[in-house]
Amino acid sequence: MTSEMVEKEGQAKTVNNTNNIRVHNRFSLTVHLGDSLNLLALLAGVYIIRSVSKKRKQKKKAEKM
């Protein structure tokens, strides 16, 4: 009777050699309203500076002639 118990225990102990790998690729991009306002202000500032510099150049050319 003891030999039957040993066999049952041996059969019940099976080795499960599996590798479970789980990868969760999560990418999130958050854009805040302040960021877009800063970008718009920067573009507007560059546009204004360029237009003012063009006007000054035109005035200097007009004064020379």
PDB file of N, CA and C in Angstrom:
ATOM      1  N   MET A   1       0.818  -1.189   0.000  1.00  0.00           N
ATOM      2  CA  MET A   1       0.000   0.000   0.000  1.00  0.00           C
ATOM      3  C   MET A   1       0.868   1.262   0.000  1.00  0.00           C
ATOM      4  N   THR A   2       1.990   1.204   0.611  1.00  0.00           N
ATOM      5  CA  THR A   2       2.872   2.359   0.616  1.00  0.00           C
ATOM      6  C   THR A   2       3.451   2.626  -0.758  1.00  0.00           C
ATOM      7  N   SER A   3       3.675   1.600  -1.528  1.00  0.00           N
ATOM      8  CA  SER A   3       4.215   1.791  -2.871  1.00  0.00           C
ATOM      9  C   SER A   3       3.200   2.490  -3.776  1.00  0.00           C
ATOM     10  N   GLU A   4       1.931   2.256  -3.590  1.00  0.00           N
ATOM     11  CA  GLU A   4       0.905   2.942  -4.370  1.00  0.00           C
ATOM     12  C   GLU A   4       0.867   4.427  -4.033  1.00  0.00           C
ATOM     13  N   MET A   5       1.050   4.753  -2.765  1.00  0.00           N
ATOM     14  CA  MET A   5       1.058   6.161  -2.356  1.00  0.00           C
ATOM     15  C   MET A   5       2.244   6.899  -2.961  1.00  0.00           C
ATOM     16  N   VAL A   6       3.367   6.269  -3.021  1.00  0.00           N
ATOM     17  CA  VAL A   6       4.561   6.903  -3.577  1.00  0.00           C
ATOM     18  C   VAL A   6       4.355   7.177  -5.058  1.00  0.00           C
ATOM     19  N   GLU A   7       3.758   6.266  -5.757  1.00  0.00           N
ATOM     20  CA  GLU A   7       3.510   6.446  -7.184  1.00  0.00           C
ATOM     21  C   GLU A   7       2.524   7.577  -7.420  1.00  0.00           C
ATOM     22  N   LYS A   8       1.493   7.660  -6.625  1.00  0.00           N
ATOM     23  CA  LYS A   8       0.521   8.731  -6.786  1.00  0.00           C
ATOM     24  C   LYS A   8       1.152  10.088  -6.501  1.00  0.00           C
ATOM     25  N   GLU A   9       1.991  10.166  -5.495  1.00  0.00           N
ATOM     26  CA  GLU A   9       2.665  11.431  -5.194  1.00  0.00           C
ATOM     27  C   GLU A   9       3.608  11.814  -6.325  1.00  0.00           C
ATOM     28  N   GLY A  10       4.289  10.860  -6.899  1.00  0.00           N
ATOM     29  CA  GLY A  10       5.203  11.133  -8.001  1.00  0.00           C
ATOM     30  C   GLY A  10       4.467  11.637  -9.228  1.00  0.00           C
ATOM     31  N   GLN A  11       3.317  11.112  -9.477  1.00  0.00           N
ATOM     32  CA  GLN A  11       2.545  11.545 -10.626  1.00  0.00           C
ATOM     33  C   GLN A  11       1.916  12.915 -10.395  1.00  0.00           C
ATOM     34  N   ALA A  12       1.559  13.209  -9.169  1.00  0.00           N
ATOM     35  CA  ALA A  12       0.921  14.487  -8.883  1.00  0.00           C
ATOM     36  C   ALA A  12       1.910  15.641  -8.954  1.00  0.00           C
ATOM     37  N   LYS A  13       3.178  15.372  -8.731  1.00  0.00           N
ATOM     38  CA  LYS A  13       4.200  16.419  -8.756  1.00  0.00           C
ATOM     39  C   LYS A  13       4.799  16.523 -10.152  1.00  0.00           C
ATOM     40  N   THR A  14       4.133  17.185 -11.017  1.00  0.00           N
ATOM     41  CA  THR A  14       4.674  17.416 -12.358  1.00  0.00           C
ATOM     42  C   THR A  14       5.302  18.793 -12.393  1.00  0.00           C
ATOM     43  N   VAL A  15       6.365  18.930 -13.124  1.00  0.00           N
ATOM     44  CA  VAL A  15       7.083  20.191 -13.208  1.00  0.00           C
ATOM     45  C   VAL A  15       6.591  20.956 -14.426  1.00  0.00           C
ATOM     46  N   ASN A  16       6.183  22.172 -14.197  1.00  0.00           N
ATOM     47  CA  ASN A  16       5.688  23.020 -15.285  1.00  0.00           C
ATOM     48  C   ASN A  16       6.770  24.034 -15.620  1.00  0.00           C
ATOM     49  N   ASN A  17       7.529  23.770 -16.652  1.00  0.00           N
ATOM     50  CA  ASN A  17       8.625  24.660 -17.047  1.00  0.00           C
ATOM     51  C   ASN A  17       8.162  25.599 -18.142  1.00  0.00           C
ATOM     52  N   THR A  18       7.430  26.598 -17.770  1.00  0.00           N
ATOM     53  CA  THR A  18       6.999  27.600 -18.750  1.00  0.00           C
ATOM     54  C   THR A  18       7.426  28.970 -18.260  1.00  0.00           C
ATOM     55  N   ASN A  19       7.814  29.798 -19.178  1.00  0.00           N
ATOM     56  CA  ASN A  19       8.189  31.178 -18.852  1.00  0.00           C
ATOM     57  C   ASN A  19       7.065  32.096 -19.314  1.00  0.00           C
ATOM     58  N   ASN A  20       6.457  32.754 -18.389  1.00  0.00           N
ATOM     59  CA  ASN A  20       5.389  33.697 -18.716  1.00  0.00           C
ATOM     60  C   ASN A  20       5.972  35.103 -18.679  1.00  0.00           C
ATOM     61  N   ILE A  21       5.993  35.740 -19.830  1.00  0.00           N
ATOM     62  CA  ILE A  21       6.511  37.101 -19.936  1.00  0.00           C
ATOM     63  C   ILE A  21       5.386  37.986 -20.412  1.00  0.00           C
ATOM     64  N   ARG A  22       5.115  39.011 -19.650  1.00  0.00           N
ATOM     65  CA  ARG A  22       4.058  39.958 -20.017  1.00  0.00           C
ATOM     66  C   ARG A  22       4.679  41.335 -20.171  1.00  0.00           C
ATOM     67  N   VAL A  23       4.453  41.939 -21.307  1.00  0.00           N
ATOM     68  CA  VAL A  23       4.997  43.260 -21.587  1.00  0.00           C
ATOM     69  C   VAL A  23       3.840  44.194 -21.869  1.00  0.00           C
ATOM     70  N   HIS A  24       3.809  45.295 -21.161  1.00  0.00           N
ATOM     71  CA  HIS A  24       2.780  46.308 -21.382  1.00  0.00           C
ATOM     72  C   HIS A  24       3.462  47.578 -21.874  1.00  0.00           C
ATOM     73  N   ASN A  25       3.330  47.860 -23.143  1.00  0.00           N
ATOM     74  CA  ASN A  25       3.903  49.076 -23.706  1.00  0.00           C
ATOM     75  C   ASN A  25       2.835  50.153 -23.679  1.00  0.00           C
ATOM     76  N   ARG A  26       3.006  51.088 -22.783  1.00  0.00           N
ATOM     77  CA  ARG A  26       2.051  52.187 -22.677  1.00  0.00           C
ATOM     78  C   ARG A  26       2.789  53.486 -22.902  1.00  0.00           C
ATOM     79  N   PHE A  27       2.325  54.255 -23.869  1.00  0.00           N
ATOM     80  CA  PHE A  27       2.930  55.548 -24.192  1.00  0.00           C
ATOM     81  C   PHE A  27       1.849  56.602 -24.086  1.00  0.00           C
ATOM     82  N   SER A  28       2.107  57.590 -23.283  1.00  0.00           N
ATOM     83  CA  SER A  28       1.120  58.652 -23.142  1.00  0.00           C
ATOM     84  C   SER A  28       1.806  59.990 -23.356  1.00  0.00           C
ATOM     85  N   LEU A  29       1.165  60.842 -24.087  1.00  0.00           N
ATOM     86  CA  LEU A  29       1.669  62.175 -24.356  1.00  0.00           C
ATOM     87  C   LEU A  29       0.639  63.167 -23.847  1.00  0.00           C
ATOM     88  N   THR A  30       1.050  63.984 -22.919  1.00  0.00           N
ATOM     89  CA  THR A  30       0.134  64.960 -22.364  1.00  0.00           C
ATOM     90  C   THR A  30       0.540  66.345 -22.838  1.00  0.00           C
ATOM     91  N   VAL A  31      -0.403  67.084 -23.313  1.00  0.00           N
ATOM     92  CA  VAL A  31      -0.171  68.447 -23.771  1.00  0.00           C
ATOM     93  C   VAL A  31      -1.014  69.360 -22.899  1.00  0.00           C
ATOM     94  N   HIS A  32      -0.355  70.289 -22.272  1.00  0.00           N
ATOM     95  CA  HIS A  32      -1.059  71.229 -21.412  1.00  0.00           C
ATOM     96  C   HIS A  32      -1.397  72.491 -22.207  1.00  0.00           C
ATOM     97  N   LEU A  33      -2.435  73.158 -21.807  1.00  0.00           N
ATOM     98  CA  LEU A  33      -2.862  74.369 -22.497  1.00  0.00           C
ATOM     99  C   LEU A  33      -1.796  75.447 -22.407  1.00  0.00           C
ATOM    100  N   GLY A  34      -1.081  75.507 -21.316  1.00  0.00           N
ATOM    101  CA  GLY A  34      -0.026  76.494 -21.140  1.00  0.00           C
ATOM    102  C   GLY A  34       1.089  76.314 -22.146  1.00  0.00           C
ATOM    103  N   ASP A  35       1.399  75.070 -22.515  1.00  0.00           N
ATOM    104  CA  ASP A  35       2.450  74.813 -23.492  1.00  0.00           C
ATOM    105  C   ASP A  35       2.082  75.388 -24.853  1.00  0.00           C
ATOM    106  N   SER A  36       0.855  75.196 -25.278  1.00  0.00           N
ATOM    107  CA  SER A  36       0.452  75.694 -26.587  1.00  0.00           C
ATOM    108  C   SER A  36       0.388  77.221 -26.588  1.00  0.00           C
ATOM    109  N   LEU A  37      -0.019  77.804 -25.468  1.00  0.00           N
ATOM    110  CA  LEU A  37      -0.047  79.266 -25.396  1.00  0.00           C
ATOM    111  C   LEU A  37       1.359  79.847 -25.449  1.00  0.00           C
ATOM    112  N   ASN A  38       2.308  79.206 -24.803  1.00  0.00           N
ATOM    113  CA  ASN A  38       3.691  79.668 -24.869  1.00  0.00           C
ATOM    114  C   ASN A  38       4.227  79.580 -26.290  1.00  0.00           C
ATOM    115  N   LEU A  39       3.883  78.525 -26.987  1.00  0.00           N
ATOM    116  CA  LEU A  39       4.335  78.371 -28.365  1.00  0.00           C
ATOM    117  C   LEU A  39       3.731  79.437 -29.262  1.00  0.00           C
ATOM    118  N   LEU A  40       2.448  79.709 -29.090  1.00  0.00           N
ATOM    119  CA  LEU A  40       1.805  80.760 -29.890  1.00  0.00           C
ATOM    120  C   LEU A  40       2.410  82.128 -29.582  1.00  0.00           C
ATOM    121  N   ALA A  41       2.689  82.401 -28.324  1.00  0.00           N
ATOM    122  CA  ALA A  41       3.297  83.675 -27.950  1.00  0.00           C
ATOM    123  C   ALA A  41       4.688  83.802 -28.556  1.00  0.00           C
ATOM    124  N   LEU A  42       5.442  82.722 -28.578  1.00  0.00           N
ATOM    125  CA  LEU A  42       6.773  82.747 -29.174  1.00  0.00           C
ATOM    126  C   LEU A  42       6.695  83.035 -30.671  1.00  0.00           C
ATOM    127  N   LEU A  43       5.783  82.373 -31.364  1.00  0.00           N
ATOM    128  CA  LEU A  43       5.626  82.615 -32.803  1.00  0.00           C
ATOM    129  C   LEU A  43       5.164  84.036 -33.091  1.00  0.00           C
ATOM    130  N   ALA A  44       4.239  84.535 -32.278  1.00  0.00           N
ATOM    131  CA  ALA A  44       3.769  85.906 -32.465  1.00  0.00           C
ATOM    132  C   ALA A  44       4.895  86.897 -32.222  1.00  0.00           C
ATOM    133  N   GLY A  45       5.719  86.654 -31.212  1.00  0.00           N
ATOM    134  CA  GLY A  45       6.848  87.537 -30.928  1.00  0.00           C
ATOM    135  C   GLY A  45       7.842  87.569 -32.064  1.00  0.00           C
ATOM    136  N   VAL A  46       8.139  86.426 -32.639  1.00  0.00           N
ATOM    137  CA  VAL A  46       9.072  86.378 -33.780  1.00  0.00           C
ATOM    138  C   VAL A  46       8.485  87.126 -34.965  1.00  0.00           C
ATOM    139  N   TYR A  47       7.202  86.954 -35.217  1.00  0.00           N
ATOM    140  CA  TYR A  47       6.550  87.656 -36.332  1.00  0.00           C
ATOM    141  C   TYR A  47       6.599  89.166 -36.135  1.00  0.00           C
ATOM    142  N   ILE A  48       6.320  89.638 -34.938  1.00  0.00           N
ATOM    143  CA  ILE A  48       6.319  91.074 -34.657  1.00  0.00           C
ATOM    144  C   ILE A  48       7.723  91.653 -34.793  1.00  0.00           C
ATOM    145  N   ILE A  49       8.714  90.946 -34.282  1.00  0.00           N
ATOM    146  CA  ILE A  49      10.094  91.435 -34.384  1.00  0.00           C
ATOM    147  C   ILE A  49      10.530  91.514 -35.841  1.00  0.00           C
ATOM    148  N   ARG A  50      10.174  90.532 -36.633  1.00  0.00           N
ATOM    149  CA  ARG A  50      10.544  90.568 -38.054  1.00  0.00           C
ATOM    150  C   ARG A  50       9.851  91.713 -38.787  1.00  0.00           C
ATOM    151  N   SER A  51       8.579  91.939 -38.483  1.00  0.00           N
ATOM    152  CA  SER A  51       7.875  93.019 -39.179  1.00  0.00           C
ATOM    153  C   SER A  51       8.421  94.387 -38.769  1.00  0.00           C
ATOM    154  N   VAL A  52       8.769  94.577 -37.526  1.00  0.00           N
ATOM    155  CA  VAL A  52       9.333  95.851 -37.071  1.00  0.00           C
ATOM    156  C   VAL A  52      10.698  96.085 -37.716  1.00  0.00           C
ATOM    157  N   SER A  53      11.506  95.018 -37.795  1.00  0.00           N
ATOM    158  CA  SER A  53      12.828  95.181 -38.403  1.00  0.00           C
ATOM    159  C   SER A  53      12.712  95.499 -39.896  1.00  0.00           C
ATOM    160  N   LYS A  54      11.734  94.943 -40.582  1.00  0.00           N
ATOM    161  CA  LYS A  54      11.540  95.257 -41.999  1.00  0.00           C
ATOM    162  C   LYS A  54      11.142  96.719 -42.190  1.00  0.00           C
ATOM    163  N   LYS A  55      10.272  97.207 -41.314  1.00  0.00           N
ATOM    164  CA  LYS A  55       9.853  98.602 -41.417  1.00  0.00           C
ATOM    165  C   LYS A  55      11.020  99.545 -41.191  1.00  0.00           C
ATOM    166  N   ARG A  56      11.882  99.221 -40.237  1.00  0.00           N
ATOM    167  CA  ARG A  56      13.046 100.083 -39.972  1.00  0.00           C
ATOM    168  C   ARG A  56      13.998 100.096 -41.162  1.00  0.00           C
ATOM    169  N   LYS A  57      14.213  98.950 -41.773  1.00  0.00           N
ATOM    170  CA  LYS A  57      15.083  98.885 -42.937  1.00  0.00           C
ATOM    171  C   LYS A  57      14.511  99.722 -44.081  1.00  0.00           C
ATOM    172  N   GLN A  58      13.194  99.658 -44.274  1.00  0.00           N
ATOM    173  CA  GLN A  58      12.569 100.439 -45.347  1.00  0.00           C
ATOM    174  C   GLN A  58      12.702 101.936 -45.062  1.00  0.00           C
ATOM    175  N   LYS A  59      12.565 102.354 -43.817  1.00  0.00           N
ATOM    176  CA  LYS A  59      12.697 103.777 -43.464  1.00  0.00           C
ATOM    177  C   LYS A  59      14.114 104.252 -43.697  1.00  0.00           C
ATOM    178  N   LYS A  60      15.111 103.453 -43.354  1.00  0.00           N
ATOM    179  CA  LYS A  60      16.501 103.840 -43.570  1.00  0.00           C
ATOM    180  C   LYS A  60      16.809 103.973 -45.058  1.00  0.00           C
ATOM    181  N   LYS A  61      16.281 103.076 -45.868  1.00  0.00           N
ATOM    182  CA  LYS A  61      16.493 103.155 -47.306  1.00  0.00           C
ATOM    183  C   LYS A  61      15.814 104.391 -47.879  1.00  0.00           C
ATOM    184  N   ALA A  62      14.638 104.721 -47.364  1.00  0.00           N
ATOM    185  CA  ALA A  62      13.915 105.886 -47.852  1.00  0.00           C
ATOM    186  C   ALA A  62      14.653 107.182 -47.464  1.00  0.00           C
ATOM    187  N   GLU A  63      15.249 107.233 -46.296  1.00  0.00           N
ATOM    188  CA  GLU A  63      15.993 108.416 -45.853  1.00  0.00           C
ATOM    189  C   GLU A  63      17.263 108.620 -46.665  1.00  0.00           C
ATOM    190  N   LYS A  64      17.908 107.558 -47.090  1.00  0.00           N
ATOM    191  CA  LYS A  64      19.138 107.655 -47.872  1.00  0.00           C
ATOM    192  C   LYS A  64      18.859 108.188 -49.267  1.00  0.00           C
ATOM    193  N   MET A  65      17.719 107.932 -49.813  1.00  0.00           N
ATOM    194  CA  MET A  65      17.405 108.372 -51.166  1.00  0.00           C
ATOM    195  C   MET A  65      16.853 109.721 -51.167  1.00  0.00           C
TER     196      MET A  65
END
